[in-house]
């Protein structure tokens, strides 16, 4: 007997909910829906009610976790120092890239065999560690393999100074890029 009563109540419940929704939407019809949208000016700012804004988040942008804008000219839209990033790509431009992440600051090359030593190949991982142009802002890892008599590649030792030399080449090129950008 209870199931029969509940079965008859369900259509009334649906009708009551539907009627409630129709009344709620009808109540919104008298709301003022006129909005004043900002007009875009020619210099990528927005004008609304006589005031100008640079972006949706204001002139200083979005400030998360207390981090404000940095005044370092090398700190651009990418997540790492742009001079170190470009210098790294310049320094290894002869090698094929496997992956490059400008926001994480990681550049990974594919294996490269120099034409003068075809039985030896190299791979590089370069890590840019920050937004400032500093000596400790870049790390390089160099991997080397040699081909054995059977034609298989086996890992070989890399001279300890090789990574440091590559880091110095990158830093020197980054300094040159910064100096060149500051000249009029």
N, C-alpha and C. Protein backbone atom coordinates (compact mmCIF):
# COMPACT_ATOMS: atom_id res chain seq x y z
N UNK A 1 0.81 -1.18 0.00
CA UNK A 1 0.00 0.00 0.00
C UNK A 1 0.86 1.26 0.00
N UNK A 2 2.00 1.22 0.70
CA UNK A 2 2.89 2.37 0.73
C UNK A 2 3.49 2.65 -0.62
N UNK A 3 3.87 1.63 -1.37
CA UNK A 3 4.50 1.84 -2.68
C UNK A 3 3.52 2.48 -3.64
N UNK A 4 2.22 2.14 -3.51
CA UNK A 4 1.21 2.72 -4.37
C UNK A 4 1.06 4.21 -4.09
N UNK A 5 1.07 4.59 -2.81
CA UNK A 5 0.96 5.99 -2.42
C UNK A 5 2.17 6.79 -2.89
N UNK A 6 3.39 6.21 -2.73
CA UNK A 6 4.61 6.89 -3.16
C UNK A 6 4.64 7.03 -4.67
N UNK A 7 4.11 6.05 -5.39
CA UNK A 7 4.07 6.12 -6.85
C UNK A 7 3.17 7.24 -7.33
N UNK A 8 2.06 7.49 -6.59
CA UNK A 8 1.15 8.57 -6.98
C UNK A 8 1.71 9.93 -6.60
N UNK A 9 2.56 10.00 -5.60
CA UNK A 9 3.12 11.26 -5.15
C UNK A 9 4.22 11.77 -6.07
N UNK A 10 4.95 10.90 -6.73
CA UNK A 10 6.09 11.30 -7.55
C UNK A 10 5.72 12.28 -8.66
N UNK A 11 4.62 12.09 -9.42
CA UNK A 11 4.29 13.09 -10.45
C UNK A 11 3.98 14.46 -9.87
N UNK A 12 3.33 14.50 -8.69
CA UNK A 12 3.05 15.79 -8.06
C UNK A 12 4.33 16.49 -7.63
N UNK A 13 5.32 15.71 -7.18
CA UNK A 13 6.61 16.27 -6.77
C UNK A 13 7.31 16.90 -7.97
N UNK A 14 7.31 16.18 -9.07
CA UNK A 14 7.95 16.69 -10.28
C UNK A 14 7.26 17.96 -10.76
N UNK A 15 5.96 17.98 -10.68
CA UNK A 15 5.20 19.16 -11.11
C UNK A 15 5.49 20.34 -10.20
N UNK A 16 5.62 20.10 -8.89
CA UNK A 16 5.90 21.17 -7.94
C UNK A 16 7.29 21.76 -8.17
N UNK A 17 8.26 20.90 -8.43
CA UNK A 17 9.62 21.38 -8.70
C UNK A 17 9.65 22.17 -10.00
N UNK A 18 8.97 21.68 -11.02
CA UNK A 18 8.92 22.38 -12.31
C UNK A 18 8.26 23.74 -12.17
N UNK A 19 7.14 23.80 -11.41
CA UNK A 19 6.45 25.06 -11.19
C UNK A 19 7.33 26.04 -10.42
N UNK A 20 8.08 25.53 -9.45
CA UNK A 20 9.00 26.38 -8.68
C UNK A 20 10.08 26.97 -9.57
N UNK A 21 10.61 26.17 -10.49
CA UNK A 21 11.63 26.68 -11.41
C UNK A 21 11.07 27.74 -12.34
N UNK A 22 9.86 27.53 -12.83
CA UNK A 22 9.24 28.51 -13.72
C UNK A 22 9.01 29.82 -12.98
N UNK A 23 8.55 29.76 -11.73
CA UNK A 23 8.34 30.97 -10.95
C UNK A 23 9.66 31.69 -10.66
N UNK A 24 10.73 30.93 -10.38
CA UNK A 24 12.03 31.53 -10.11
C UNK A 24 12.57 32.24 -11.35
N UNK A 25 12.42 31.63 -12.52
CA UNK A 25 12.89 32.26 -13.74
C UNK A 25 12.03 33.48 -14.07
N UNK A 26 10.74 33.39 -13.79
CA UNK A 26 9.87 34.54 -14.03
C UNK A 26 10.24 35.71 -13.14
N UNK A 27 10.67 35.45 -11.92
CA UNK A 27 11.08 36.51 -11.02
C UNK A 27 12.33 37.22 -11.53
N UNK A 28 13.15 36.52 -12.27
CA UNK A 28 14.38 37.13 -12.82
C UNK A 28 14.08 38.02 -14.01
N UNK A 29 12.91 37.89 -14.61
CA UNK A 29 12.61 38.65 -15.82
C UNK A 29 12.51 40.14 -15.54
N UNK A 30 12.21 40.52 -14.32
CA UNK A 30 12.12 41.94 -14.01
C UNK A 30 13.47 42.52 -13.59
N UNK A 31 14.51 41.71 -13.55
CA UNK A 31 15.84 42.20 -13.14
C UNK A 31 16.43 43.05 -14.25
N UNK A 32 17.20 44.04 -13.86
CA UNK A 32 17.87 44.91 -14.82
C UNK A 32 19.11 44.19 -15.35
N UNK A 33 19.10 43.82 -16.60
CA UNK A 33 20.22 43.07 -17.17
C UNK A 33 21.08 43.92 -18.09
N UNK A 34 20.88 45.23 -18.07
CA UNK A 34 21.71 46.12 -18.87
C UNK A 34 23.09 46.22 -18.22
N UNK A 35 24.11 45.92 -18.96
CA UNK A 35 25.48 45.99 -18.46
C UNK A 35 26.27 46.97 -19.30
N UNK A 36 27.24 47.59 -18.69
CA UNK A 36 28.14 48.46 -19.42
C UNK A 36 29.44 47.70 -19.60
N UNK A 37 29.71 47.26 -20.80
CA UNK A 37 30.93 46.54 -21.08
C UNK A 37 32.04 47.52 -21.40
N UNK A 38 33.27 47.20 -21.03
CA UNK A 38 34.38 48.12 -21.30
C UNK A 38 34.67 48.20 -22.80
N UNK A 39 35.08 49.38 -23.22
CA UNK A 39 35.47 49.58 -24.61
C UNK A 39 36.98 49.41 -24.72
N UNK A 40 37.41 48.68 -25.73
CA UNK A 40 38.84 48.47 -25.93
C UNK A 40 39.41 49.68 -26.64
N UNK A 41 40.48 50.23 -26.08
CA UNK A 41 41.16 51.34 -26.73
C UNK A 41 42.28 50.79 -27.58
N UNK A 42 42.95 51.61 -28.34
CA UNK A 42 43.98 51.15 -29.27
C UNK A 42 45.23 50.60 -28.62
N UNK A 43 45.52 50.94 -27.37
CA UNK A 43 46.78 50.53 -26.75
C UNK A 43 46.61 49.35 -25.80
N UNK A 44 45.68 48.48 -26.07
CA UNK A 44 45.41 47.25 -25.32
C UNK A 44 44.98 47.51 -23.87
N UNK A 45 44.47 48.72 -23.57
CA UNK A 45 43.86 48.96 -22.27
C UNK A 45 42.36 49.01 -22.45
N UNK A 46 41.63 48.91 -21.37
CA UNK A 46 40.18 48.92 -21.43
C UNK A 46 39.68 50.15 -20.70
N UNK A 47 38.65 50.76 -21.26
CA UNK A 47 38.08 51.97 -20.68
C UNK A 47 36.66 51.66 -20.24
N UNK A 48 36.37 51.96 -18.99
CA UNK A 48 35.03 51.73 -18.49
C UNK A 48 34.69 52.85 -17.51
N UNK A 49 33.61 53.52 -17.76
CA UNK A 49 33.12 54.59 -16.90
C UNK A 49 34.19 55.63 -16.63
N UNK A 50 34.98 55.98 -17.62
CA UNK A 50 35.97 57.04 -17.49
C UNK A 50 37.27 56.61 -16.85
N UNK A 51 37.46 55.34 -16.50
CA UNK A 51 38.72 54.89 -15.92
C UNK A 51 39.38 53.91 -16.86
N UNK A 52 40.71 53.84 -16.81
CA UNK A 52 41.45 52.92 -17.67
C UNK A 52 42.09 51.83 -16.81
N UNK A 53 42.04 50.60 -17.31
CA UNK A 53 42.68 49.48 -16.63
C UNK A 53 43.61 48.80 -17.61
N UNK A 54 44.75 48.31 -17.14
CA UNK A 54 45.68 47.61 -18.01
C UNK A 54 45.18 46.22 -18.35
N UNK A 55 44.71 45.48 -17.35
CA UNK A 55 44.26 44.11 -17.55
C UNK A 55 43.10 43.84 -16.62
N UNK A 56 42.59 42.65 -16.69
CA UNK A 56 41.51 42.26 -15.80
C UNK A 56 41.97 42.29 -14.35
N UNK A 57 43.24 41.98 -14.10
CA UNK A 57 43.77 41.91 -12.74
C UNK A 57 44.41 43.22 -12.29
N UNK A 58 44.25 44.30 -13.07
CA UNK A 58 44.82 45.58 -12.69
C UNK A 58 46.18 45.79 -13.31
N UNK A 59 46.76 46.93 -13.04
CA UNK A 59 48.02 47.31 -13.67
C UNK A 59 49.18 46.40 -13.26
N UNK A 60 49.14 45.86 -12.04
CA UNK A 60 50.24 45.02 -11.56
C UNK A 60 50.04 43.55 -11.83
N UNK A 61 48.94 43.17 -12.45
CA UNK A 61 48.71 41.76 -12.76
C UNK A 61 48.22 41.00 -11.55
N UNK A 62 48.27 39.69 -11.65
CA UNK A 62 47.80 38.82 -10.58
C UNK A 62 48.96 38.52 -9.64
N UNK A 63 48.77 38.72 -8.36
CA UNK A 63 49.81 38.52 -7.37
C UNK A 63 49.44 37.31 -6.52
N UNK A 64 50.11 36.18 -6.78
CA UNK A 64 49.83 34.96 -6.02
C UNK A 64 50.91 34.72 -4.99
N UNK A 65 50.52 34.33 -3.82
CA UNK A 65 51.44 33.91 -2.76
C UNK A 65 52.47 34.98 -2.43
N UNK A 66 52.12 36.25 -2.54
CA UNK A 66 53.01 37.33 -2.15
C UNK A 66 54.11 37.62 -3.14
N UNK A 67 54.07 37.02 -4.32
CA UNK A 67 55.12 37.26 -5.31
C UNK A 67 54.70 38.42 -6.19
N UNK A 68 55.48 39.45 -6.21
CA UNK A 68 55.17 40.61 -7.03
C UNK A 68 55.98 40.57 -8.31
N UNK A 69 55.87 41.66 -9.06
CA UNK A 69 56.64 41.78 -10.30
C UNK A 69 58.11 41.91 -9.96
N UNK A 70 58.93 41.37 -10.81
CA UNK A 70 60.36 41.51 -10.63
C UNK A 70 60.89 42.52 -11.63
N UNK A 71 61.89 43.26 -11.24
CA UNK A 71 62.43 44.30 -12.10
C UNK A 71 63.58 43.81 -12.96
N UNK A 72 63.83 42.53 -12.98
CA UNK A 72 64.91 41.97 -13.78
C UNK A 72 64.49 41.96 -15.25
N UNK A 73 65.25 42.64 -16.13
CA UNK A 73 64.85 42.66 -17.53
C UNK A 73 64.93 41.29 -18.19
N UNK A 74 65.65 40.35 -17.61
CA UNK A 74 65.74 39.01 -18.16
C UNK A 74 64.58 38.13 -17.76
N UNK A 75 63.74 38.62 -16.83
CA UNK A 75 62.59 37.85 -16.37
C UNK A 75 61.38 38.26 -17.20
N UNK A 76 61.08 37.49 -18.22
CA UNK A 76 59.98 37.83 -19.11
C UNK A 76 58.83 36.86 -18.91
N UNK A 77 58.04 36.64 -19.95
CA UNK A 77 56.87 35.78 -19.87
C UNK A 77 57.20 34.31 -19.65
N UNK A 78 58.43 33.89 -19.91
CA UNK A 78 58.78 32.50 -19.65
C UNK A 78 59.12 32.35 -18.19
N UNK A 79 59.16 31.14 -17.70
CA UNK A 79 59.35 30.89 -16.28
C UNK A 79 60.77 31.03 -15.79
N UNK A 80 61.73 31.22 -16.67
CA UNK A 80 63.13 31.30 -16.29
C UNK A 80 63.76 32.54 -16.93
N UNK A 81 65.01 32.78 -16.60
CA UNK A 81 65.72 33.93 -17.16
C UNK A 81 65.84 33.78 -18.67
N UNK A 82 65.37 34.78 -19.40
CA UNK A 82 65.34 34.67 -20.86
C UNK A 82 66.74 34.68 -21.47
N UNK A 83 67.70 35.37 -20.84
CA UNK A 83 69.06 35.39 -21.37
C UNK A 83 69.71 34.01 -21.24
N UNK A 84 69.52 33.38 -20.09
CA UNK A 84 70.05 32.02 -19.91
C UNK A 84 69.37 31.04 -20.85
N UNK A 85 68.08 31.22 -21.06
CA UNK A 85 67.33 30.33 -21.95
C UNK A 85 67.87 30.43 -23.38
N UNK A 86 67.96 31.67 -23.89
CA UNK A 86 68.44 31.85 -25.26
C UNK A 86 69.90 31.44 -25.40
N UNK A 87 70.71 31.74 -24.40
CA UNK A 87 72.12 31.36 -24.45
C UNK A 87 72.28 29.85 -24.46
N UNK A 88 71.46 29.15 -23.71
CA UNK A 88 71.51 27.68 -23.69
C UNK A 88 71.16 27.12 -25.06
N UNK A 89 70.10 27.65 -25.66
CA UNK A 89 69.72 27.18 -26.99
C UNK A 89 70.78 27.51 -28.03
N UNK A 90 71.42 28.68 -27.90
CA UNK A 90 72.50 29.05 -28.83
C UNK A 90 73.69 28.10 -28.68
N UNK A 91 74.04 27.78 -27.43
CA UNK A 91 75.22 26.96 -27.17
C UNK A 91 75.07 25.53 -27.70
N UNK A 92 73.87 25.03 -27.73
CA UNK A 92 73.67 23.64 -28.16
C UNK A 92 72.91 23.56 -29.48
N UNK A 93 72.95 24.63 -30.26
CA UNK A 93 72.17 24.69 -31.50
C UNK A 93 72.56 23.63 -32.52
N UNK A 94 73.73 23.05 -32.40
CA UNK A 94 74.17 22.01 -33.34
C UNK A 94 73.60 20.64 -33.00
N UNK A 95 73.00 20.50 -31.81
CA UNK A 95 72.46 19.20 -31.37
C UNK A 95 70.95 19.16 -31.57
N UNK A 96 70.40 17.99 -31.88
CA UNK A 96 68.94 17.89 -32.01
C UNK A 96 68.26 17.96 -30.64
N UNK A 97 67.16 18.71 -30.56
CA UNK A 97 66.42 18.83 -29.30
C UNK A 97 65.41 17.70 -29.16
N UNK A 98 65.36 17.12 -27.99
CA UNK A 98 64.34 16.13 -27.68
C UNK A 98 63.17 16.81 -26.98
N UNK A 99 63.48 17.81 -26.14
CA UNK A 99 62.44 18.49 -25.37
C UNK A 99 62.98 19.83 -24.88
N UNK A 100 62.09 20.84 -24.85
CA UNK A 100 62.46 22.16 -24.32
C UNK A 100 61.24 22.73 -23.60
N UNK A 101 61.37 22.98 -22.32
CA UNK A 101 60.29 23.50 -21.50
C UNK A 101 60.69 24.86 -20.94
N UNK A 102 60.24 25.98 -21.55
CA UNK A 102 60.65 27.30 -21.08
C UNK A 102 60.06 27.68 -19.73
N UNK A 103 59.00 27.04 -19.30
CA UNK A 103 58.41 27.37 -18.00
C UNK A 103 59.10 26.61 -16.87
N UNK A 104 59.51 25.39 -17.13
CA UNK A 104 60.24 24.61 -16.14
C UNK A 104 61.74 24.82 -16.23
N UNK A 105 62.22 25.36 -17.34
CA UNK A 105 63.64 25.63 -17.50
C UNK A 105 64.46 24.39 -17.80
N UNK A 106 63.91 23.45 -18.54
CA UNK A 106 64.61 22.21 -18.85
C UNK A 106 64.76 22.06 -20.36
N UNK A 107 66.00 21.82 -20.78
CA UNK A 107 66.29 21.54 -22.19
C UNK A 107 66.97 20.18 -22.23
N UNK A 108 66.43 19.29 -23.05
CA UNK A 108 66.99 17.94 -23.19
C UNK A 108 67.27 17.71 -24.67
N UNK A 109 68.50 17.33 -24.97
CA UNK A 109 68.84 17.05 -26.36
C UNK A 109 68.72 15.56 -26.63
N UNK A 110 68.68 15.26 -27.91
CA UNK A 110 68.74 13.87 -28.32
C UNK A 110 70.22 13.51 -28.46
N UNK A 111 70.52 12.26 -28.70
CA UNK A 111 71.90 11.84 -28.87
C UNK A 111 72.49 12.47 -30.13
N UNK A 112 73.73 12.92 -30.00
CA UNK A 112 74.43 13.55 -31.12
C UNK A 112 75.81 12.91 -31.25
N UNK A 113 76.13 12.42 -32.45
CA UNK A 113 77.45 11.84 -32.74
C UNK A 113 78.21 12.82 -33.63
N UNK A 114 79.31 13.38 -33.14
CA UNK A 114 80.10 14.29 -33.97
C UNK A 114 80.62 13.57 -35.21
N UNK A 115 80.64 14.25 -36.36
CA UNK A 115 81.10 13.60 -37.59
C UNK A 115 82.54 13.08 -37.49
N UNK A 116 83.38 13.76 -36.71
CA UNK A 116 84.78 13.33 -36.59
C UNK A 116 84.97 12.10 -35.70
N UNK A 117 84.00 11.80 -34.84
CA UNK A 117 84.05 10.61 -33.98
C UNK A 117 82.71 9.89 -34.02
N UNK A 118 82.42 9.13 -35.08
CA UNK A 118 81.11 8.49 -35.21
C UNK A 118 80.84 7.37 -34.21
N UNK A 119 81.87 6.87 -33.54
CA UNK A 119 81.68 5.80 -32.55
C UNK A 119 81.48 6.35 -31.14
N UNK A 120 81.19 7.62 -31.04
CA UNK A 120 80.97 8.27 -29.75
C UNK A 120 79.78 9.22 -29.92
N UNK A 121 78.90 9.27 -28.91
CA UNK A 121 77.77 10.18 -28.98
C UNK A 121 77.52 10.81 -27.62
N UNK A 122 76.85 11.99 -27.66
CA UNK A 122 76.61 12.79 -26.46
C UNK A 122 75.15 13.18 -26.36
N UNK A 123 74.74 13.39 -25.13
CA UNK A 123 73.39 13.87 -24.83
C UNK A 123 73.53 14.87 -23.69
N UNK A 124 72.72 15.96 -23.75
CA UNK A 124 72.81 17.01 -22.73
C UNK A 124 71.45 17.24 -22.08
N UNK A 125 71.48 17.52 -20.80
CA UNK A 125 70.33 18.03 -20.06
C UNK A 125 70.77 19.34 -19.44
N UNK A 126 70.04 20.41 -19.75
CA UNK A 126 70.37 21.72 -19.20
C UNK A 126 69.19 22.18 -18.36
N UNK A 127 69.50 22.65 -17.16
CA UNK A 127 68.49 23.11 -16.22
C UNK A 127 68.76 24.57 -15.89
N UNK A 128 67.78 25.43 -16.15
CA UNK A 128 67.87 26.83 -15.76
C UNK A 128 67.09 26.96 -14.47
N UNK A 129 67.77 27.42 -13.42
CA UNK A 129 67.25 27.27 -12.07
C UNK A 129 66.55 28.49 -11.51
N UNK A 130 66.47 29.59 -12.25
CA UNK A 130 65.80 30.76 -11.68
C UNK A 130 65.57 31.84 -12.71
N UNK A 131 65.05 32.95 -12.21
CA UNK A 131 64.73 34.08 -13.08
C UNK A 131 65.84 35.12 -13.12
N UNK A 132 66.85 34.99 -12.29
CA UNK A 132 67.95 35.95 -12.28
C UNK A 132 69.12 35.40 -13.09
N UNK A 133 69.88 36.33 -13.66
CA UNK A 133 71.09 35.96 -14.37
C UNK A 133 72.21 35.87 -13.35
N UNK A 134 72.45 34.65 -12.88
CA UNK A 134 73.47 34.39 -11.86
C UNK A 134 74.31 33.21 -12.28
N UNK A 135 75.50 33.12 -11.71
CA UNK A 135 76.41 32.03 -12.06
C UNK A 135 75.84 30.67 -11.66
N UNK A 136 75.06 30.62 -10.60
CA UNK A 136 74.48 29.34 -10.19
C UNK A 136 73.08 29.14 -10.77
N UNK A 137 72.72 29.90 -11.79
CA UNK A 137 71.40 29.83 -12.39
C UNK A 137 71.26 28.79 -13.48
N UNK A 138 72.35 28.10 -13.82
CA UNK A 138 72.29 27.09 -14.88
C UNK A 138 73.10 25.86 -14.45
N UNK A 139 72.56 24.70 -14.74
CA UNK A 139 73.24 23.42 -14.49
C UNK A 139 73.19 22.60 -15.75
N UNK A 140 74.27 21.91 -16.05
CA UNK A 140 74.32 21.06 -17.24
C UNK A 140 74.76 19.66 -16.84
N UNK A 141 74.13 18.69 -17.45
CA UNK A 141 74.50 17.29 -17.27
C UNK A 141 74.85 16.74 -18.65
N UNK A 142 76.04 16.16 -18.76
CA UNK A 142 76.51 15.63 -20.04
C UNK A 142 76.61 14.10 -19.93
N UNK A 143 76.05 13.44 -20.93
CA UNK A 143 76.09 11.97 -20.98
C UNK A 143 76.86 11.57 -22.24
N UNK A 144 77.64 10.52 -22.12
CA UNK A 144 78.47 10.07 -23.24
C UNK A 144 78.35 8.56 -23.38
N UNK A 145 78.30 8.10 -24.63
CA UNK A 145 78.29 6.67 -24.90
C UNK A 145 79.28 6.37 -26.02
N UNK A 146 79.83 5.16 -25.96
CA UNK A 146 80.76 4.69 -27.00
C UNK A 146 80.18 3.41 -27.60
N UNK A 147 80.46 3.22 -28.88
CA UNK A 147 80.02 2.00 -29.56
C UNK A 147 81.09 0.93 -29.37
N UNK A 148 80.65 -0.24 -28.87
CA UNK A 148 81.60 -1.33 -28.67
C UNK A 148 81.78 -2.13 -29.97
N UNK A 149 82.58 -3.18 -29.92
CA UNK A 149 82.87 -3.98 -31.11
C UNK A 149 81.61 -4.64 -31.68
N UNK A 150 80.63 -4.91 -30.84
CA UNK A 150 79.39 -5.54 -31.30
C UNK A 150 78.39 -4.54 -31.88
N UNK A 151 78.71 -3.26 -31.86
CA UNK A 151 77.82 -2.22 -32.39
C UNK A 151 76.82 -1.68 -31.38
N UNK A 152 76.94 -2.08 -30.13
CA UNK A 152 76.03 -1.61 -29.08
C UNK A 152 76.61 -0.38 -28.39
N UNK A 153 75.73 0.51 -27.98
CA UNK A 153 76.17 1.70 -27.27
C UNK A 153 76.28 1.40 -25.78
N UNK A 154 77.40 1.77 -25.18
CA UNK A 154 77.61 1.58 -23.74
C UNK A 154 78.00 2.92 -23.12
N UNK A 155 77.59 3.12 -21.89
CA UNK A 155 77.90 4.37 -21.20
C UNK A 155 79.40 4.49 -20.99
N UNK A 156 79.88 5.72 -21.13
CA UNK A 156 81.30 6.01 -20.93
C UNK A 156 81.42 7.20 -19.99
N UNK A 157 82.56 7.29 -19.35
CA UNK A 157 82.80 8.38 -18.39
C UNK A 157 82.95 9.71 -19.13
N UNK A 158 82.46 10.75 -18.49
CA UNK A 158 82.58 12.11 -19.01
C UNK A 158 83.56 12.84 -18.11
N UNK A 159 84.45 13.60 -18.72
CA UNK A 159 85.39 14.38 -17.93
C UNK A 159 84.62 15.33 -17.03
N UNK A 160 85.01 15.45 -15.79
CA UNK A 160 84.29 16.27 -14.82
C UNK A 160 84.19 17.73 -15.20
N UNK A 161 85.13 18.20 -15.93
CA UNK A 161 85.18 19.61 -16.32
C UNK A 161 84.22 19.94 -17.47
N UNK A 162 83.73 18.95 -18.18
CA UNK A 162 82.90 19.18 -19.37
C UNK A 162 81.61 19.92 -19.03
N UNK A 163 80.91 19.51 -17.99
CA UNK A 163 79.67 20.18 -17.58
C UNK A 163 79.94 21.63 -17.18
N UNK A 164 81.01 21.84 -16.42
CA UNK A 164 81.37 23.18 -15.98
C UNK A 164 81.73 24.07 -17.17
N UNK A 165 82.44 23.53 -18.14
CA UNK A 165 82.80 24.30 -19.34
C UNK A 165 81.54 24.70 -20.12
N UNK A 166 80.59 23.79 -20.25
CA UNK A 166 79.35 24.10 -20.94
C UNK A 166 78.56 25.18 -20.19
N UNK A 167 78.50 25.08 -18.87
CA UNK A 167 77.82 26.11 -18.07
C UNK A 167 78.48 27.47 -18.27
N UNK A 168 79.81 27.51 -18.33
CA UNK A 168 80.52 28.78 -18.53
C UNK A 168 80.26 29.36 -19.92
N UNK A 169 80.17 28.51 -20.93
CA UNK A 169 79.84 28.98 -22.29
C UNK A 169 78.44 29.61 -22.28
N UNK A 170 77.50 28.97 -21.62
CA UNK A 170 76.13 29.49 -21.55
C UNK A 170 76.10 30.82 -20.80
N UNK A 171 76.79 30.90 -19.68
CA UNK A 171 76.81 32.14 -18.90
C UNK A 171 77.46 33.28 -19.67
N UNK A 172 78.53 33.01 -20.38
CA UNK A 172 79.20 34.04 -21.18
C UNK A 172 78.27 34.55 -22.27
N UNK A 173 77.58 33.64 -22.95
CA UNK A 173 76.65 34.04 -24.00
C UNK A 173 75.47 34.82 -23.41
N UNK A 174 74.98 34.43 -22.24
CA UNK A 174 73.88 35.13 -21.59
C UNK A 174 74.29 36.56 -21.23
N UNK A 175 75.50 36.73 -20.74
CA UNK A 175 75.99 38.09 -20.44
C UNK A 175 76.07 38.93 -21.70
N UNK A 176 76.54 38.33 -22.80
CA UNK A 176 76.60 39.06 -24.07
C UNK A 176 75.20 39.47 -24.52
N UNK A 177 74.25 38.59 -24.41
CA UNK A 177 72.87 38.91 -24.80
C UNK A 177 72.31 40.05 -23.95
N UNK A 178 72.60 40.03 -22.66
CA UNK A 178 72.10 41.09 -21.78
C UNK A 178 72.74 42.42 -22.12
N UNK A 179 74.04 42.44 -22.35
CA UNK A 179 74.74 43.67 -22.71
C UNK A 179 74.19 44.21 -24.02
N UNK A 180 73.99 43.32 -25.00
CA UNK A 180 73.46 43.73 -26.30
C UNK A 180 72.06 44.31 -26.17
N UNK A 181 71.25 43.79 -25.28
CA UNK A 181 69.87 44.27 -25.13
C UNK A 181 69.81 45.62 -24.43
N UNK A 182 70.84 45.97 -23.65
CA UNK A 182 70.85 47.24 -22.93
C UNK A 182 71.39 48.38 -23.77
N UNK A 183 72.03 48.06 -24.89
CA UNK A 183 72.56 49.10 -25.77
C UNK A 183 71.41 49.74 -26.54
N UNK A 184 71.51 51.07 -26.75
CA UNK A 184 70.43 51.73 -27.54
C UNK A 184 70.46 51.40 -29.01
